Amino acid sequence: MRLALTLAAVLLATHAMAEGQEHEVVGHIKQQLACRSDPDAVPLLTYLSQRGYISLVEAKKSDSTSCWRMHRPLDIDGIAIQGVCAANEDPFMRAMYLNIF
């Protein structure tokens, strides 16, 4: 019984932490879209990949731009985001993140 209660508490805490992280990433996306911070797609794409929203190897690439179809939508203020694109013209960044750009 105690094990079941402990497991339930861990699962609830994990779910709450995941919801908190998703809230933070939505805030980050809003900052990027509003041009309130310098663009940097790498942390966001890493987050989306780690959480199963995208698979980096499935990128559709053209020149310095990569796009991904989301495996499941990400809700931002009631808008279901179905895909994401990123571009970077910096040769150093492109060389450092071959799996992204």
Protein backbone atom coordinates (compact mmCIF):
# COMPACT_ATOMS: atom_id res chain seq x y z
CA MET A 1 0.00 0.00 0.00
CA ARG A 2 2.78 2.42 0.93
CA LEU A 3 4.60 1.59 -2.31
CA ALA A 4 1.47 2.34 -4.34
CA LEU A 5 1.02 5.71 -2.59
CA THR A 6 4.69 6.57 -3.13
CA LEU A 7 4.44 5.64 -6.82
CA ALA A 8 1.28 7.73 -7.21
CA ALA A 9 3.01 10.72 -5.56
CA VAL A 10 6.03 10.36 -7.87
CA LEU A 11 3.79 10.15 -10.95
CA LEU A 12 1.84 13.25 -9.88
CA ALA A 13 5.05 15.17 -9.21
CA THR A 14 6.49 14.11 -12.58
CA HIS A 15 3.31 15.18 -14.36
CA ALA A 16 3.30 18.55 -12.56
CA MET A 17 6.98 19.08 -13.43
CA ALA A 18 6.30 18.27 -17.11
CA GLU A 19 3.38 20.72 -17.16
CA GLY A 20 5.60 23.38 -15.58
CA GLN A 21 8.31 22.81 -18.19
CA GLU A 22 5.75 23.01 -20.99
CA HIS A 23 4.49 26.30 -19.56
CA GLU A 24 8.09 27.59 -19.55
CA VAL A 25 8.72 26.51 -23.15
CA VAL A 26 5.50 28.19 -24.27
CA GLY A 27 6.76 31.38 -22.60
CA HIS A 28 10.07 31.00 -24.42
CA ILE A 29 8.28 30.54 -27.74
CA LYS A 30 6.19 33.66 -27.14
CA GLN A 31 9.35 35.67 -26.41
CA GLN A 32 10.91 34.43 -29.65
CA LEU A 33 7.78 35.18 -31.70
CA ALA A 34 7.50 38.67 -30.22
CA CYS A 35 11.18 39.34 -31.05
CA ARG A 36 11.84 40.16 -27.37
CA SER A 37 14.99 38.08 -27.32
CA ASP A 38 17.70 37.14 -29.78
CA PRO A 39 16.64 34.16 -31.89
CA ASP A 40 18.15 30.85 -30.83
CA ALA A 41 16.34 27.77 -32.06
CA VAL A 42 18.71 25.16 -30.61
CA PRO A 43 17.31 25.03 -27.03
CA LEU A 44 13.72 24.93 -28.26
CA LEU A 45 14.39 22.25 -30.86
CA THR A 46 16.30 20.20 -28.29
CA TYR A 47 13.35 20.48 -25.89
CA LEU A 48 10.85 19.49 -28.59
CA SER A 49 13.02 16.53 -29.60
CA GLN A 50 13.55 15.31 -26.03
CA ARG A 51 9.81 15.50 -25.32
CA GLY A 52 8.86 13.60 -28.49
CA TYR A 53 7.23 16.50 -30.32
CA ILE A 54 9.71 16.21 -33.21
CA SER A 55 12.42 13.86 -34.39
CA LEU A 56 15.49 15.82 -35.47
CA VAL A 57 16.35 13.20 -38.11
CA GLU A 58 13.02 13.84 -39.85
CA ALA A 59 13.94 17.41 -40.83
CA LYS A 60 13.09 18.67 -44.28
CA LYS A 61 16.16 20.79 -45.11
CA SER A 62 16.68 23.45 -47.72
CA ASP A 63 19.80 25.60 -47.68
CA SER A 64 20.09 26.86 -44.07
CA THR A 65 16.47 26.18 -43.11
CA SER A 66 15.07 23.03 -41.51
CA CYS A 67 11.42 22.19 -40.84
CA TRP A 68 9.75 19.46 -38.82
CA ARG A 69 6.19 18.19 -38.63
CA MET A 70 5.13 17.82 -35.00
CA HIS A 71 4.26 14.28 -33.86
CA ARG A 72 1.61 15.86 -31.66
CA PRO A 73 0.50 19.48 -31.52
CA LEU A 74 1.85 21.94 -28.96
CA ASP A 75 -0.89 24.25 -27.68
CA ILE A 76 0.00 27.93 -27.45
CA ASP A 77 -2.93 30.04 -26.28
CA GLY A 78 -5.43 27.75 -27.99
CA ILE A 79 -3.46 27.47 -31.23
CA ALA A 80 -2.32 23.93 -32.00
CA ILE A 81 1.19 24.22 -33.45
CA GLN A 82 1.63 21.46 -36.03
CA GLY A 83 5.16 22.18 -37.27
CA VAL A 84 8.27 24.20 -36.63
CA CYS A 85 11.04 25.64 -38.81
CA ALA A 86 14.42 27.08 -37.94
CA ALA A 87 17.09 28.83 -39.95
CA ASN A 88 20.63 29.93 -39.26
CA GLU A 89 23.04 31.61 -41.66
CA ASP A 90 26.03 31.45 -39.28
CA PRO A 91 28.52 28.90 -40.70
CA PHE A 92 29.86 28.10 -37.22
CA MET A 93 26.39 27.33 -35.82
CA ARG A 94 25.50 25.29 -38.89
CA ALA A 95 28.71 23.27 -38.50
CA MET A 96 28.14 22.77 -34.74
CA TYR A 97 24.53 21.61 -35.19
CA LEU A 98 24.55 19.52 -38.35
CA ASN A 99 21.57 17.56 -37.05
CA ILE A 100 19.51 20.75 -36.90
CA PHE A 101 20.58 23.12 -39.70
